[in-house]
Amino acid sequence: MHFAGEREFEPWTIEIYNDNDFIVRNALEAWVDTIQNAESTNGAINPGMYQVDMSVLQLDRNDNVVKEYVFFDAWPLNIGQIQLDWETNNQIETFPVTFQYNFWRSPTSEGVLVF
């Protein structure tokens, strides 16, 4: 038997386009290193030092916000690999990032009751 109340939130994975200077990837790797340094295994003790609230906006064709999601206390759980083989030679380089978060909320859904 199941009851409402104890919600579980799955990690959120996104695909990021890589740039020639690796600006986004380098920033994500520095963020992960702040959480726990791979060499020393030292890292941030206070979650407030590495968790952030992240907003995702869905836009229409005129760049108007039609939906918003806020992921609270998010941090990168995993930064995926970049494909280096020749099978992707005519594609833009991408890599996945998986974020963990405590919960999400959609301000654009507040006050809307659907039964």
Protein backbone atom coordinates (compact mmCIF):
# COMPACT_ATOMS: atom_id res chain seq x y z
CA MET A 1 0.00 0.00 0.00
CA HIS A 2 1.33 3.47 -0.91
CA PHE A 3 0.60 6.83 0.70
CA ALA A 4 1.43 10.39 -0.30
CA GLY A 5 4.12 12.22 1.64
CA GLU A 6 7.55 10.72 1.12
CA ARG A 7 8.64 11.99 -2.26
CA GLU A 8 11.83 10.96 -4.00
CA PHE A 9 13.53 13.18 -6.55
CA GLU A 10 15.56 11.55 -9.30
CA PRO A 11 18.87 13.16 -10.34
CA TRP A 12 18.57 15.53 -13.31
CA THR A 13 20.86 14.96 -16.32
CA ILE A 14 21.50 17.60 -18.97
CA GLU A 15 23.63 17.65 -22.12
CA ILE A 16 26.04 20.60 -22.47
CA TYR A 17 27.64 21.90 -25.67
CA ASN A 18 31.38 22.24 -25.18
CA ASP A 19 33.19 25.38 -26.31
CA ASN A 20 36.78 25.65 -27.58
CA ASP A 21 37.98 27.14 -24.30
CA PHE A 22 36.18 24.56 -22.10
CA ILE A 23 34.77 27.45 -20.02
CA VAL A 24 31.65 25.62 -18.80
CA ARG A 25 33.40 22.28 -18.29
CA ASN A 26 36.29 23.89 -16.38
CA ALA A 27 33.81 25.72 -14.11
CA LEU A 28 31.93 22.46 -13.44
CA GLU A 29 35.17 20.59 -12.70
CA ALA A 30 36.21 23.36 -10.26
CA TRP A 31 32.78 23.08 -8.60
CA VAL A 32 33.21 19.31 -8.17
CA ASP A 33 36.74 19.86 -6.86
CA THR A 34 35.33 22.25 -4.23
CA ILE A 35 32.98 19.50 -3.07
CA GLN A 36 35.82 16.97 -2.80
CA ASN A 37 39.35 17.32 -4.11
CA ALA A 38 40.39 14.12 -5.93
CA GLU A 39 44.01 14.24 -4.70
CA SER A 40 43.60 15.27 -1.07
CA THR A 41 39.98 14.13 -0.57
CA ASN A 42 39.43 17.40 1.30
CA GLY A 43 36.32 19.35 0.48
CA ALA A 44 33.53 21.61 1.57
CA ILE A 45 31.90 20.57 4.82
CA ASN A 46 29.00 23.02 4.76
CA PRO A 47 26.51 22.23 1.96
CA GLY A 48 25.87 25.96 1.63
CA MET A 49 29.37 26.23 0.18
CA TYR A 50 28.55 24.12 -2.88
CA GLN A 51 24.76 23.80 -3.24
CA VAL A 52 22.85 26.35 -5.34
CA ASP A 53 19.30 26.87 -6.54
CA MET A 54 18.99 26.38 -10.31
CA SER A 55 16.21 27.71 -12.53
CA VAL A 56 15.18 26.22 -15.84
CA LEU A 57 13.02 28.35 -18.13
CA GLN A 58 11.08 26.96 -21.06
CA LEU A 59 10.63 29.64 -23.72
CA ASP A 60 8.23 30.01 -26.61
CA ARG A 61 9.34 31.11 -30.07
CA ASN A 62 9.30 34.76 -28.97
CA ASP A 63 11.50 34.09 -25.92
CA ASN A 64 8.59 34.45 -23.49
CA VAL A 65 8.73 32.21 -20.42
CA VAL A 66 5.96 29.59 -20.61
CA LYS A 67 7.18 27.31 -17.80
CA GLU A 68 9.71 27.54 -14.99
CA TYR A 69 11.25 24.95 -12.70
CA VAL A 70 13.49 25.66 -9.71
CA PHE A 71 15.79 22.91 -8.43
CA PHE A 72 16.74 23.63 -4.81
CA ASP A 73 20.14 22.86 -3.27
CA ALA A 74 21.58 21.47 -6.50
CA TRP A 75 25.13 20.30 -7.09
CA PRO A 76 26.92 18.32 -9.84
CA LEU A 77 26.85 14.63 -9.04
CA ASN A 78 28.68 13.54 -12.20
CA ILE A 79 30.38 15.17 -15.17
CA GLY A 80 30.34 12.78 -18.10
CA GLN A 81 32.97 12.04 -20.66
CA ILE A 82 33.56 13.81 -23.95
CA GLN A 83 33.59 11.49 -26.96
CA LEU A 84 37.00 11.64 -28.64
CA ASP A 85 36.56 9.02 -31.35
CA TRP A 86 36.20 9.78 -35.06
CA GLU A 87 32.56 8.69 -35.15
CA THR A 88 31.57 12.15 -33.91
CA ASN A 89 33.81 14.19 -36.24
CA ASN A 90 30.94 16.16 -37.79
CA GLN A 91 29.01 16.84 -34.57
CA ILE A 92 29.27 19.55 -31.95
CA GLU A 93 31.12 18.23 -28.92
CA THR A 94 28.84 17.63 -25.93
CA PHE A 95 29.04 16.07 -22.50
CA PRO A 96 26.41 15.07 -19.92
CA VAL A 97 26.19 16.49 -16.40
CA THR A 98 24.01 14.95 -13.71
CA PHE A 99 22.81 17.14 -10.86
CA GLN A 100 21.48 16.03 -7.49
CA TYR A 101 19.06 18.34 -5.67
CA ASN A 102 16.82 18.23 -2.63
CA PHE A 103 13.52 19.10 -4.30
CA TRP A 104 12.02 21.05 -7.18
CA ARG A 105 9.16 23.47 -7.51
CA SER A 106 7.40 25.06 -10.47
CA PRO A 107 6.36 28.66 -9.70
CA THR A 108 4.30 28.66 -12.91
CA SER A 109 2.15 25.84 -11.47
CA GLU A 110 1.49 27.39 -8.06
CA GLY A 111 -2.18 27.84 -7.32
CA VAL A 112 -3.23 25.45 -10.12
CA LEU A 113 -5.15 22.46 -8.80
CA VAL A 114 -5.69 19.49 -11.06
CA PHE A 115 -7.57 16.42 -9.87
